[in-house]
Amino acid sequence: MPLSSVRQKRADVRAFRRALDHYLEQADDRLLNGLDHRPQAPATSDWIWRPQIFRSRLERRGFAGVAGPWRFDDEVALFHDCPDAMLGARQVFNAPGSSQALFGLRIETFQFAGSYLSLSFALPQEAATSMSHRHLVVIGGKYDALRPGGLYARLNIRNGPNLAQLTQPMTRTGAIIAATFDLGQTPMNEKRIEKAWVDILFENASFNQYDLGDLTIHRRPRADI
């Protein structure tokens, strides 16, 4: 086949791929418009939040082979110290009926030589600054991994010059994960809270695939003791 014909066929295939990508985006939008992505708040909660990455399509949907940190948007970032950046992450469309969230987040690792891998979720400012010692903060989600390993949640609260940190292993029942933090036991000055964020910490990071199908964070009053 002459080179001119090869070039023309390549151009035709690229044009077809652009048209196919456009069609897929339109189809996703129609499917999204028919779904309810609002998290269901427990009756006792006074605030609940599902990060944007699980609710709508992001402009920066993924990366591969990039040194950390990688920021998806203003809320979510991935941190790692793998020297060769042998990993990738991307936003994926959840199959209808598989999750209450419209989108999920997939992380794929190869020969991971780093010492840590984590996702960081910045809490909305109004929710962070209104936290107090009378609250419980509950993290829930849907999760799966190709190879089993530990999964931890860490709540970070910046108050003045101090940083209060609480770390818990996430319990797992099937695909459902959860962790609860009692702010009554937290050494923080609630009048000086500036911001708060949640880290999800992954273990067994080499040659693995993590699927975080949903994540919600809600807050409720703790029982008086």
Protein backbone atom coordinates (compact mmCIF):
# COMPACT_ATOMS: atom_id res chain seq x y z
CA MET A 1 0.00 0.00 0.00
CA PRO A 2 1.45 3.42 -0.93
CA LEU A 3 2.42 5.73 1.92
CA SER A 4 -0.15 8.27 0.77
CA SER A 5 -2.90 5.68 1.25
CA VAL A 6 -1.57 4.76 4.71
CA ARG A 7 -1.63 8.42 5.73
CA GLN A 8 -5.17 8.82 4.47
CA LYS A 9 -6.40 5.72 6.27
CA ARG A 10 -4.73 6.87 9.48
CA ALA A 11 -6.45 10.25 9.18
CA ASP A 12 -9.78 8.50 8.57
CA VAL A 13 -9.34 6.29 11.65
CA ARG A 14 -8.43 9.27 13.83
CA ALA A 15 -11.50 11.15 12.63
CA PHE A 16 -13.65 8.11 13.40
CA ARG A 17 -12.09 7.82 16.88
CA ARG A 18 -12.87 11.49 17.61
CA ALA A 19 -16.47 10.97 16.49
CA LEU A 20 -16.72 7.81 18.63
CA ASP A 21 -15.31 9.60 21.69
CA HIS A 22 -17.81 12.41 21.18
CA TYR A 23 -20.67 9.93 20.94
CA LEU A 24 -19.56 8.15 24.11
CA GLU A 25 -19.41 11.45 26.03
CA GLN A 26 -22.94 12.35 24.85
CA ALA A 27 -24.20 8.89 25.82
CA ASP A 28 -22.61 9.21 29.28
CA ASP A 29 -24.22 12.62 29.75
CA ARG A 30 -27.66 11.23 28.92
CA LEU A 31 -27.15 8.36 31.34
CA LEU A 32 -25.92 10.73 34.07
CA ASN A 33 -28.94 12.99 33.71
CA GLY A 34 -31.18 10.06 34.60
CA LEU A 35 -29.32 9.13 37.78
CA ASP A 36 -29.49 10.60 41.28
CA HIS A 37 -25.98 11.11 42.67
CA ARG A 38 -26.99 12.73 45.96
CA PRO A 39 -25.74 10.78 49.00
CA GLN A 40 -28.37 9.53 51.42
CA ALA A 41 -27.78 11.12 54.81
CA PRO A 42 -28.43 9.04 57.95
CA ALA A 43 -31.23 10.46 60.08
CA THR A 44 -28.82 11.55 62.83
CA SER A 45 -26.29 13.33 60.62
CA ASP A 46 -26.05 17.12 60.32
CA TRP A 47 -23.83 17.11 57.20
CA ILE A 48 -22.92 14.68 54.41
CA TRP A 49 -20.62 15.02 51.41
CA ARG A 50 -19.62 13.02 48.35
CA PRO A 51 -16.53 14.41 46.53
CA GLN A 52 -17.01 15.75 43.04
CA ILE A 53 -14.88 13.02 41.48
CA PHE A 54 -17.64 10.50 42.32
CA ARG A 55 -20.44 12.76 41.07
CA SER A 56 -19.46 14.19 37.68
CA ARG A 57 -16.92 13.89 34.90
CA LEU A 58 -13.68 15.75 35.59
CA GLU A 59 -11.57 17.59 33.04
CA ARG A 60 -8.40 15.90 34.32
CA ARG A 61 -9.62 12.34 34.47
CA GLY A 62 -6.35 10.50 34.94
CA PHE A 63 -2.63 10.15 34.58
CA ALA A 64 0.08 7.55 34.06
CA GLY A 65 3.74 7.63 35.02
CA VAL A 66 3.63 11.01 36.76
CA ALA A 67 5.61 11.84 39.87
CA GLY A 68 3.43 12.67 42.87
CA PRO A 69 1.46 14.50 43.87
CA TRP A 70 -1.17 14.45 41.12
CA ARG A 71 -4.22 16.68 41.64
CA PHE A 72 -7.48 15.69 39.95
CA ASP A 73 -9.26 18.87 41.07
CA ASP A 74 -9.43 21.18 44.09
CA GLU A 75 -10.71 18.32 46.28
CA VAL A 76 -8.76 15.20 45.40
CA ALA A 77 -5.04 14.48 45.02
CA LEU A 78 -2.95 11.32 44.84
CA PHE A 79 0.37 11.18 46.70
CA HIS A 80 3.18 8.67 46.27
CA ASP A 81 6.97 8.44 46.41
CA CYS A 82 7.57 5.76 43.79
CA PRO A 83 10.84 6.92 42.14
CA ASP A 84 9.95 5.53 38.71
CA ALA A 85 6.27 6.56 38.95
CA MET A 86 5.18 3.03 38.05
CA LEU A 87 1.48 3.68 38.47
CA GLY A 88 -1.57 5.32 36.95
CA ALA A 89 -4.96 6.54 38.14
CA ARG A 90 -8.15 7.51 36.37
CA GLN A 91 -11.76 8.34 36.91
CA VAL A 92 -14.03 5.54 35.66
CA PHE A 93 -17.75 5.36 34.94
CA ASN A 94 -19.52 3.04 37.38
CA ALA A 95 -21.78 0.45 35.81
CA PRO A 96 -25.45 1.31 36.46
CA GLY A 97 -26.64 -0.36 39.65
CA SER A 98 -23.13 -1.17 40.89
CA SER A 99 -22.82 1.88 43.14
CA GLN A 100 -24.76 4.89 44.39
CA ALA A 101 -22.01 7.07 42.90
CA LEU A 102 -21.90 7.85 39.19
CA PHE A 103 -18.12 7.56 38.93
CA GLY A 104 -15.32 5.70 40.66
CA LEU A 105 -11.56 6.03 40.91
CA ARG A 106 -9.16 3.32 39.75
CA ILE A 107 -5.47 3.15 40.71
CA GLU A 108 -3.16 0.68 38.95
CA THR A 109 0.36 0.01 40.18
CA PHE A 110 3.20 -1.96 38.66
CA GLN A 111 6.64 -2.42 40.20
CA PHE A 112 5.95 0.09 42.95
CA ALA A 113 9.17 0.87 44.83
CA GLY A 114 7.83 3.67 47.01
CA SER A 115 6.99 3.64 50.70
CA TYR A 116 3.51 5.17 50.56
CA LEU A 117 0.47 5.58 48.31
CA SER A 118 -2.51 7.66 49.37
CA LEU A 119 -5.51 9.67 48.21
CA SER A 120 -6.28 12.98 49.89
CA PHE A 121 -9.79 14.49 50.02
CA ALA A 122 -10.06 18.13 51.11
CA LEU A 123 -13.25 18.69 53.10
CA PRO A 124 -15.44 21.69 52.23
CA GLN A 125 -14.36 24.72 54.22
CA GLU A 126 -17.69 25.33 55.93
CA ALA A 127 -17.87 21.73 57.13
CA ALA A 128 -14.28 21.72 58.36
CA THR A 129 -14.48 24.95 60.36
CA SER A 130 -17.76 23.96 62.02
CA MET A 131 -16.38 20.72 63.49
CA SER A 132 -16.38 20.44 67.25
CA HIS A 133 -15.58 17.99 70.03
CA ARG A 134 -19.24 16.92 70.08
CA HIS A 135 -19.03 15.35 66.60
CA LEU A 136 -18.34 11.95 65.11
CA VAL A 137 -16.97 11.91 61.55
CA VAL A 138 -17.90 8.78 59.60
CA ILE A 139 -16.28 7.72 56.33
CA GLY A 140 -17.95 5.12 54.15
CA GLY A 141 -17.44 3.82 50.66
CA LYS A 142 -17.21 0.99 48.19
CA TYR A 143 -13.84 -0.62 47.50
CA ASP A 144 -12.16 -3.55 45.82
CA ALA A 145 -8.53 -4.57 45.20
CA LEU A 146 -6.88 -7.10 42.94
CA ARG A 147 -4.58 -8.19 45.80
CA PRO A 148 -5.65 -7.85 49.44
CA GLY A 149 -3.86 -5.40 51.71
CA GLY A 150 -4.44 -2.96 54.51
CA LEU A 151 -6.60 0.12 53.97
CA TYR A 152 -6.51 3.02 56.42
CA ALA A 153 -8.27 6.35 56.83
CA ARG A 154 -6.63 9.37 58.45
CA LEU A 155 -8.51 12.50 59.49
CA ASN A 156 -6.35 15.63 59.56
CA ILE A 157 -7.52 18.86 61.21
CA ARG A 158 -5.39 22.00 60.98
CA ASN A 159 -6.11 24.23 63.98
CA GLY A 160 -3.82 27.21 64.36
CA PRO A 161 -0.17 26.04 64.33
CA ASN A 162 -1.20 22.50 65.30
CA LEU A 163 -2.26 19.51 63.23
CA ALA A 164 -4.54 16.94 64.88
CA GLN A 165 -4.41 13.53 63.21
CA LEU A 166 -6.52 10.44 63.83
CA THR A 167 -5.82 7.18 61.96
CA GLN A 168 -8.05 4.12 61.80
CA PRO A 169 -7.99 0.88 59.81
CA MET A 170 -11.06 0.79 57.59
CA THR A 171 -13.43 -2.06 58.33
CA ARG A 172 -14.59 -4.04 55.33
CA THR A 173 -17.77 -6.03 54.83
CA GLY A 174 -17.75 -7.35 51.30
CA ALA A 175 -17.15 -4.26 49.17
CA ILE A 176 -18.33 -1.82 51.86
CA ILE A 177 -15.67 0.05 53.83
CA ALA A 178 -16.08 2.34 56.85
CA ALA A 179 -14.21 4.21 59.59
CA THR A 180 -15.47 6.41 62.45
CA PHE A 181 -13.55 9.20 64.21
CA ASP A 182 -14.56 10.55 67.62
CA LEU A 183 -13.62 14.23 67.75
CA GLY A 184 -14.30 14.24 71.48
CA GLN A 185 -10.94 12.48 71.86
CA THR A 186 -9.08 14.88 69.55
CA PRO A 187 -6.58 17.40 70.98
CA MET A 188 -7.73 20.36 68.90
CA ASN A 189 -8.81 23.94 69.41
CA GLU A 190 -12.15 23.94 67.61
CA LYS A 191 -12.24 27.75 67.55
CA ARG A 192 -9.05 27.83 65.46
CA ILE A 193 -9.83 25.16 62.84
CA GLU A 194 -8.61 26.31 59.43
CA LYS A 195 -9.11 23.26 57.24
CA ALA A 196 -9.51 19.49 57.34
CA TRP A 197 -8.84 16.64 54.97
CA VAL A 198 -9.08 12.85 54.84
CA ASP A 199 -6.31 10.57 53.58
CA ILE A 200 -6.99 7.05 52.33
CA LEU A 201 -3.79 4.99 52.72
CA PHE A 202 -3.15 1.87 50.64
CA GLU A 203 -0.89 -1.06 51.54
CA ASN A 204 0.53 -3.82 49.33
CA ALA A 205 0.95 -1.30 46.53
CA SER A 206 3.10 -3.29 44.09
CA PHE A 207 1.38 -4.89 41.08
CA ASN A 208 -2.11 -4.10 42.29
CA GLN A 209 -5.34 -2.48 41.21
CA TYR A 210 -7.54 -0.51 43.59
CA ASP A 211 -11.12 0.42 42.72
CA LEU A 212 -12.73 3.04 44.92
CA GLY A 213 -16.31 2.96 43.69
CA ASP A 214 -17.66 5.54 46.12
CA LEU A 215 -16.71 7.64 49.13
CA THR A 216 -18.94 9.66 51.43
CA ILE A 217 -18.18 11.52 54.63
CA HIS A 218 -20.84 12.48 57.10
CA ARG A 219 -20.91 14.06 60.52
CA ARG A 220 -23.23 13.45 63.45
CA PRO A 221 -23.40 14.43 67.13
CA ARG A 222 -21.69 12.03 69.51
CA ALA A 223 -23.59 10.67 72.50
CA ASP A 224 -23.05 12.52 75.75
CA ILE A 225 -20.96 10.57 78.24
